Amino acid sequence: MNEPHFDIVSLGEPMYEFSQIPGEGNRYLQGFGGDTSNAIIAAARQGAKVAYVTRLGDDEFGQQFLALWRAEDVDTSGAGIDPEAHTGVYFIHHGPQGHVFSYLRNDSAASRMRPEYLPLGLIRRARFFHTSAISQAISASACDAVFAAIDAARSAGAQIAYDSNLRLRLWPLARAKAVIGTTIGLADYFLPSLDDVKALSGLAQPEAILDWSHRLGAKYVALKLGPDGALASDGVRRERIAAHEVDCVDATGAGDCFAGSLLARLARGDDFWQAVRYANAAAALSTTGYGAVAPLPRPEQVATLLAEDTSA
């Protein structure tokens, strides 16, 4: 078998971001979002060779995404253009209860993904294939595309990484449970957040959630605990990774940074435990700036934080 051409290939939905500037009325800061796009950029910044599979509208937002990915060394040959649809957009408003998200994603180009549009040759050249439940929730055809991509990647020997990223505004809980549960069983690496799996499993305790994840078929689980760090399991050994003390200003995309950094380190040769500790530090650093993409750290920043905490 030929050596894989890419360390990581991710599939999903990019979304152009307009974030309201606090205290400045209706002024918005433009940016980039989308969980899988954030994750693949995070992986690229850690030195992994990566590609992204999606569909974009034939519009300015789509062109800006292509420019972003190319600037970040993300291969864009798997990003198709849909001339009849728009690139997804979301707005972040600041209300009394905190951030309020509004989405313009119905019938977006990414939601019109279908299995027959997939660049299967590219997907089959991945060492790791990454996707999320958001990619499945945006439409039935996109969900079919995710399963087709996982099948192609697995058949070519890739390992599968899956983030639950539960968004109940996109689909009912019963369907989410069925689809996510099936996909966990196909995953080598399951990367959920605590709130997601509480809703999906009906369980509250992290240790019980790890058991639930392994029963469904996940081989490795890295449970993201936000400000409490992470809890990881390979089915036999379990380890809690403490959070790093940083000046957190915006946690947007921290879980995506965790996923991309974890896979980049696995591709580099780290074992699971080394990769989880590295990803935990990278995710902490990603909260020290605003937006999902700009604060994604570089390797030297992560190395410095890990060294500081070791010497403390």
Protein backbone atom coordinates (compact mmCIF):
# COMPACT_ATOMS: atom_id res chain seq x y z
CA MET A 1 0.00 0.00 0.00
CA ASN A 2 1.28 3.50 -0.81
CA GLU A 3 2.13 5.79 2.07
CA PRO A 4 -0.74 8.19 2.88
CA HIS A 5 -0.34 11.58 1.29
CA PHE A 6 -2.01 13.49 4.14
CA ASP A 7 -1.64 13.21 7.90
CA ILE A 8 -5.21 14.39 8.41
CA VAL A 9 -8.22 14.95 6.18
CA SER A 10 -11.24 16.63 7.75
CA LEU A 11 -14.77 16.97 6.37
CA GLY A 12 -17.34 19.50 7.47
CA GLU A 13 -19.01 22.87 7.35
CA PRO A 14 -17.10 26.17 7.40
CA MET A 15 -19.01 29.24 8.51
CA TYR A 16 -18.15 32.89 8.00
CA GLU A 17 -18.38 34.80 11.26
CA PHE A 18 -19.65 38.26 12.19
CA SER A 19 -18.95 38.91 15.87
CA GLN A 20 -20.50 41.96 17.51
CA ILE A 21 -17.87 44.21 19.07
CA PRO A 22 -18.84 44.74 22.73
CA GLY A 23 -19.78 48.32 23.48
CA GLU A 24 -19.78 49.39 19.83
CA GLY A 25 -23.42 48.92 18.90
CA ASN A 26 -23.95 47.23 15.57
CA ARG A 27 -20.29 47.02 14.58
CA TYR A 28 -19.07 43.52 13.84
CA LEU A 29 -15.67 41.91 13.51
CA GLN A 30 -15.40 39.54 10.55
CA GLY A 31 -13.81 36.16 11.04
CA PHE A 32 -13.93 32.46 10.28
CA GLY A 33 -15.60 29.57 12.08
CA GLY A 34 -16.83 26.03 11.66
CA ASP A 35 -15.63 23.29 13.99
CA THR A 36 -13.87 21.09 11.44
CA SER A 37 -12.29 24.05 9.67
CA ASN A 38 -10.95 25.31 13.00
CA ALA A 39 -9.59 21.86 13.81
CA ILE A 40 -7.80 21.38 10.50
CA ILE A 41 -6.17 24.81 10.76
CA ALA A 42 -5.06 23.95 14.30
CA ALA A 43 -3.51 20.74 12.97
CA ALA A 44 -1.77 22.60 10.15
CA ARG A 45 -0.29 25.10 12.62
CA GLN A 46 1.18 22.16 14.53
CA GLY A 47 2.97 21.03 11.38
CA ALA A 48 0.64 18.32 10.08
CA LYS A 49 0.03 17.87 6.36
CA VAL A 50 -3.71 18.35 6.02
CA ALA A 51 -6.62 18.66 3.61
CA TYR A 52 -10.19 19.86 4.02
CA VAL A 53 -13.29 18.49 2.33
CA THR A 54 -16.35 20.72 2.06
CA ARG A 55 -18.49 22.74 -0.33
CA LEU A 56 -18.56 26.51 -0.58
CA GLY A 57 -20.81 29.03 -2.24
CA ASP A 58 -19.59 30.89 -5.30
CA ASP A 59 -19.37 34.09 -3.26
CA GLU A 60 -16.92 36.37 -1.48
CA PHE A 61 -17.13 34.42 1.77
CA GLY A 62 -16.20 31.22 -0.02
CA GLN A 63 -13.26 32.90 -1.71
CA GLN A 64 -12.06 34.23 1.64
CA PHE A 65 -12.16 30.74 3.11
CA LEU A 66 -10.10 29.38 0.24
CA ALA A 67 -7.55 32.15 0.77
CA LEU A 68 -7.46 31.45 4.51
CA TRP A 69 -6.86 27.72 4.08
CA ARG A 70 -4.16 28.23 1.49
CA ALA A 71 -2.42 30.74 3.75
CA GLU A 72 -2.57 28.15 6.55
CA ASP A 73 -1.15 25.35 4.33
CA VAL A 74 -4.44 23.45 4.16
CA ASP A 75 -4.94 21.58 0.88
CA THR A 76 -8.16 22.85 -0.74
CA SER A 77 -8.50 20.39 -3.61
CA GLY A 78 -11.42 18.77 -1.77
CA ALA A 79 -13.34 22.04 -1.38
CA GLY A 80 -15.99 22.13 -4.10
CA ILE A 81 -17.88 25.19 -5.29
CA ASP A 82 -21.68 25.11 -5.48
CA PRO A 83 -22.83 27.87 -7.87
CA GLU A 84 -26.41 27.61 -6.63
CA ALA A 85 -25.83 27.95 -2.89
CA HIS A 86 -24.22 30.30 -0.39
CA THR A 87 -21.43 29.85 2.11
CA GLY A 88 -22.79 29.49 5.64
CA VAL A 89 -22.74 32.57 7.87
CA TYR A 90 -23.32 33.14 11.57
CA PHE A 91 -23.58 36.17 13.84
CA ILE A 92 -22.50 36.48 17.47
CA HIS A 93 -24.49 38.99 19.53
CA HIS A 94 -23.81 39.90 23.14
CA GLY A 95 -26.96 39.69 25.22
CA PRO A 96 -27.76 39.72 28.96
CA GLN A 97 -27.07 35.98 29.16
CA GLY A 98 -23.82 36.14 27.20
CA HIS A 99 -23.16 35.13 23.60
CA VAL A 100 -26.19 34.68 21.33
CA PHE A 101 -25.65 32.90 18.00
CA SER A 102 -27.74 33.43 14.87
CA TYR A 103 -27.18 31.26 11.80
CA LEU A 104 -27.75 31.60 8.05
CA ARG A 105 -26.97 28.03 7.09
CA ASN A 106 -30.23 26.64 5.62
CA ASP A 107 -29.54 25.34 2.13
CA SER A 108 -25.91 26.43 2.37
CA ALA A 109 -23.35 24.88 0.06
CA ALA A 110 -21.97 22.64 2.82
CA SER A 111 -25.47 21.41 3.71
CA ARG A 112 -25.83 20.27 0.09
CA MET A 113 -22.90 17.86 0.35
CA ARG A 114 -23.71 14.43 -1.04
CA PRO A 115 -21.77 11.15 -1.21
CA GLU A 116 -21.35 11.48 -4.98
CA TYR A 117 -19.55 14.81 -4.52
CA LEU A 118 -16.85 13.37 -2.27
CA PRO A 119 -13.20 13.38 -3.41
CA LEU A 120 -12.74 9.75 -2.42
CA GLY A 121 -9.21 9.55 -3.79
CA LEU A 122 -8.13 12.32 -1.44
CA ILE A 123 -9.96 10.82 1.55
CA ARG A 124 -8.30 7.45 0.96
CA ARG A 125 -4.87 9.09 1.25
CA ALA A 126 -5.40 10.15 4.87
CA ARG A 127 -3.72 8.62 7.90
CA PHE A 128 -6.44 10.16 10.08
CA PHE A 129 -9.93 11.16 8.96
CA HIS A 130 -11.72 13.70 11.15
CA THR A 131 -15.32 14.88 11.22
CA SER A 132 -18.06 15.91 13.64
CA ALA A 133 -21.74 15.51 14.34
CA ILE A 134 -22.39 19.05 13.10
CA SER A 135 -21.36 17.81 9.66
CA GLN A 136 -24.07 15.14 9.98
CA ALA A 137 -26.73 17.39 11.48
CA ILE A 138 -26.84 20.06 8.78
CA SER A 139 -28.77 17.83 6.33
CA ALA A 140 -29.62 14.22 5.53
CA SER A 141 -27.42 14.28 2.43
CA ALA A 142 -24.47 15.66 4.39
CA CYS A 143 -24.98 12.92 6.96
CA ASP A 144 -24.87 10.33 4.17
CA ALA A 145 -21.67 11.96 2.90
CA VAL A 146 -20.03 11.68 6.32
CA PHE A 147 -20.78 7.95 6.52
CA ALA A 148 -19.55 7.42 2.96
CA ALA A 149 -16.33 9.29 3.75
CA ILE A 150 -15.76 7.29 6.94
CA ASP A 151 -16.28 4.07 5.00
CA ALA A 152 -13.79 5.13 2.31
CA ALA A 153 -11.21 6.23 4.87
CA ARG A 154 -11.53 3.07 6.98
CA SER A 155 -11.33 0.82 3.95
CA ALA A 156 -8.02 2.49 3.03
CA GLY A 157 -6.58 1.99 6.51
CA ALA A 158 -7.17 5.44 8.03
CA GLN A 159 -8.00 5.93 11.67
CA ILE A 160 -11.21 7.82 12.41
CA ALA A 161 -11.51 10.77 14.81
CA TYR A 162 -14.96 12.01 15.73
CA ASP A 163 -16.19 15.00 17.74
CA SER A 164 -19.78 14.84 18.98
CA ASN A 165 -20.27 18.66 18.95
CA LEU A 166 -23.98 18.31 19.72
CA ARG A 167 -26.15 21.14 18.38
CA LEU A 168 -29.81 20.52 19.20
CA ARG A 169 -30.90 23.51 17.13
CA LEU A 170 -29.97 21.41 14.09
CA TRP A 171 -31.71 18.12 14.86
CA PRO A 172 -33.88 16.45 17.51
CA LEU A 173 -32.14 14.63 20.35
CA ALA A 174 -33.53 11.24 19.35
CA ARG A 175 -31.99 11.44 15.87
CA ALA A 176 -28.77 12.85 17.28
CA LYS A 177 -28.49 9.93 19.69
CA ALA A 178 -29.03 7.40 16.90
CA VAL A 179 -26.58 8.93 14.42
CA ILE A 180 -23.89 9.86 16.93
CA GLY A 181 -24.13 6.49 18.67
CA THR A 182 -23.60 4.70 15.37
CA THR A 183 -20.66 6.93 14.46
CA ILE A 184 -18.95 6.47 17.83
CA GLY A 185 -18.84 2.76 17.00
CA LEU A 186 -16.84 3.57 13.88
CA ALA A 187 -14.38 5.86 15.66
CA ASP A 188 -10.86 5.07 16.79
CA TYR A 189 -10.74 8.41 18.63
CA PHE A 190 -13.87 9.91 20.18
CA LEU A 191 -13.41 13.53 21.30
CA PRO A 192 -16.59 14.74 23.05
CA SER A 193 -17.23 17.58 25.44
CA LEU A 194 -18.83 16.85 28.79
CA ASP A 195 -22.09 18.71 28.15
CA ASP A 196 -22.57 16.87 24.85
CA VAL A 197 -22.28 13.39 26.28
CA LYS A 198 -24.34 14.21 29.33
CA ALA A 199 -27.23 14.94 26.96
CA LEU A 200 -26.50 11.96 24.70
CA SER A 201 -25.90 9.34 27.38
CA GLY A 202 -28.11 10.56 30.22
CA LEU A 203 -25.09 10.15 32.50
CA ALA A 204 -23.50 12.82 34.67
CA GLN A 205 -20.23 11.34 35.91
CA PRO A 206 -17.18 11.53 33.59
CA GLU A 207 -16.01 8.01 34.50
CA ALA A 208 -19.41 6.56 33.60
CA ILE A 209 -19.36 8.52 30.35
CA LEU A 210 -16.04 6.91 29.43
CA ASP A 211 -17.59 3.47 30.04
CA TRP A 212 -20.57 4.41 27.86
CA SER A 213 -18.29 5.60 25.05
CA HIS A 214 -16.26 2.40 25.05
CA ARG A 215 -19.41 0.25 25.14
CA LEU A 216 -20.53 1.97 21.94
CA GLY A 217 -17.22 1.03 20.32
CA ALA A 218 -14.81 3.95 20.71
CA LYS A 219 -11.24 2.73 21.15
CA TYR A 220 -9.76 5.91 22.61
CA VAL A 221 -11.76 8.64 24.35
CA ALA A 222 -10.58 12.15 25.23
CA LEU A 223 -13.36 13.78 27.22
CA LYS A 224 -12.99 17.57 27.16
CA LEU A 225 -13.86 19.13 30.51
CA GLY A 226 -13.40 22.80 29.64
CA PRO A 227 -11.76 24.68 32.53
CA ASP A 228 -11.20 21.34 34.30
CA GLY A 229 -8.89 19.95 31.62
CA ALA A 230 -9.55 16.53 30.11
CA LEU A 231 -10.13 12.90 31.05
CA ALA A 232 -8.67 10.30 28.70
CA SER A 233 -9.05 6.55 28.35
CA ASP A 234 -7.74 3.81 26.09
CA GLY A 235 -10.17 1.26 27.49
CA VAL A 236 -7.72 0.03 30.12
CA ARG A 237 -5.81 3.03 31.44
CA ARG A 238 -7.43 6.31 32.46
CA GLU A 239 -5.78 9.62 33.17
CA ARG A 240 -7.08 13.04 34.17
CA ILE A 241 -5.11 15.89 32.62
CA ALA A 242 -5.25 19.07 34.67
CA ALA A 243 -6.15 22.39 33.11
CA HIS A 244 -3.47 25.01 32.50
CA GLU A 245 -3.78 28.41 34.14
CA VAL A 246 -4.01 30.98 31.35
CA ASP A 247 -5.67 34.36 30.88
CA CYS A 248 -8.84 33.09 29.20
CA VAL A 249 -10.79 35.70 27.24
CA ASP A 250 -12.70 33.65 24.64
CA ALA A 251 -13.16 29.87 24.60
CA THR A 252 -14.55 29.83 21.04
CA GLY A 253 -13.00 26.94 19.14
CA ALA A 254 -10.98 25.56 22.07
CA GLY A 255 -12.41 22.07 21.60
CA ASP A 256 -11.62 22.24 17.88
CA CYS A 257 -8.05 23.25 18.70
CA PHE A 258 -7.85 20.26 21.03
CA ALA A 259 -8.95 17.89 18.26
CA GLY A 260 -6.64 19.25 15.59
CA SER A 261 -3.64 19.40 17.92
CA LEU A 262 -4.24 15.86 19.20
CA LEU A 263 -4.33 14.43 15.68
CA ALA A 264 -1.28 16.42 14.61
CA ARG A 265 0.73 15.00 17.48
CA LEU A 266 -0.49 11.45 16.83
CA ALA A 267 0.56 11.87 13.19
CA ARG A 268 3.96 13.06 14.40
CA GLY A 269 4.44 9.86 16.41
CA ASP A 270 3.28 10.75 19.93
CA ASP A 271 1.42 8.10 21.85
CA PHE A 272 -2.16 8.82 22.91
CA TRP A 273 -1.22 10.14 26.35
CA GLN A 274 1.45 12.49 25.04
CA ALA A 275 -0.94 13.75 22.38
CA VAL A 276 -3.74 14.41 24.90
CA ARG A 277 -1.44 16.40 27.19
CA TYR A 278 -0.19 18.44 24.24
CA ALA A 279 -3.73 19.06 22.95
CA ASN A 280 -4.87 20.12 26.41
CA ALA A 281 -2.16 22.79 26.50
CA ALA A 282 -2.87 23.95 22.94
CA ALA A 283 -6.59 24.29 23.71
CA ALA A 284 -5.82 26.39 26.80
CA LEU A 285 -3.67 28.76 24.73
CA SER A 286 -6.44 29.11 22.14
CA THR A 287 -8.63 30.78 24.77
CA THR A 288 -6.21 33.67 25.30
CA GLY A 289 -7.33 35.58 22.20
CA TYR A 290 -10.60 36.43 20.46
CA GLY A 291 -12.15 34.40 17.67
CA ALA A 292 -11.74 30.78 16.65
CA VAL A 293 -8.75 31.03 14.30
CA ALA A 294 -6.46 33.92 15.25
CA PRO A 295 -5.39 32.57 18.68
CA LEU A 296 -4.71 28.98 17.53
CA PRO A 297 -1.20 28.43 18.86
CA ARG A 298 2.06 27.47 17.20
CA PRO A 299 4.23 24.57 18.45
CA GLU A 300 6.74 26.80 20.23
CA GLN A 301 3.95 28.38 22.28
CA VAL A 302 2.62 24.98 23.33
CA ALA A 303 6.12 23.75 24.18
CA THR A 304 6.70 26.82 26.35
CA LEU A 305 3.47 26.33 28.29
CA LEU A 306 4.18 22.64 28.86
CA ALA A 307 7.71 23.42 30.02
CA GLU A 308 6.49 26.15 32.38
CA ASP A 309 3.93 23.88 33.98
CA THR A 310 6.48 21.07 34.34
CA SER A 311 8.95 23.34 36.08
CA ALA A 312 6.38 25.02 38.33
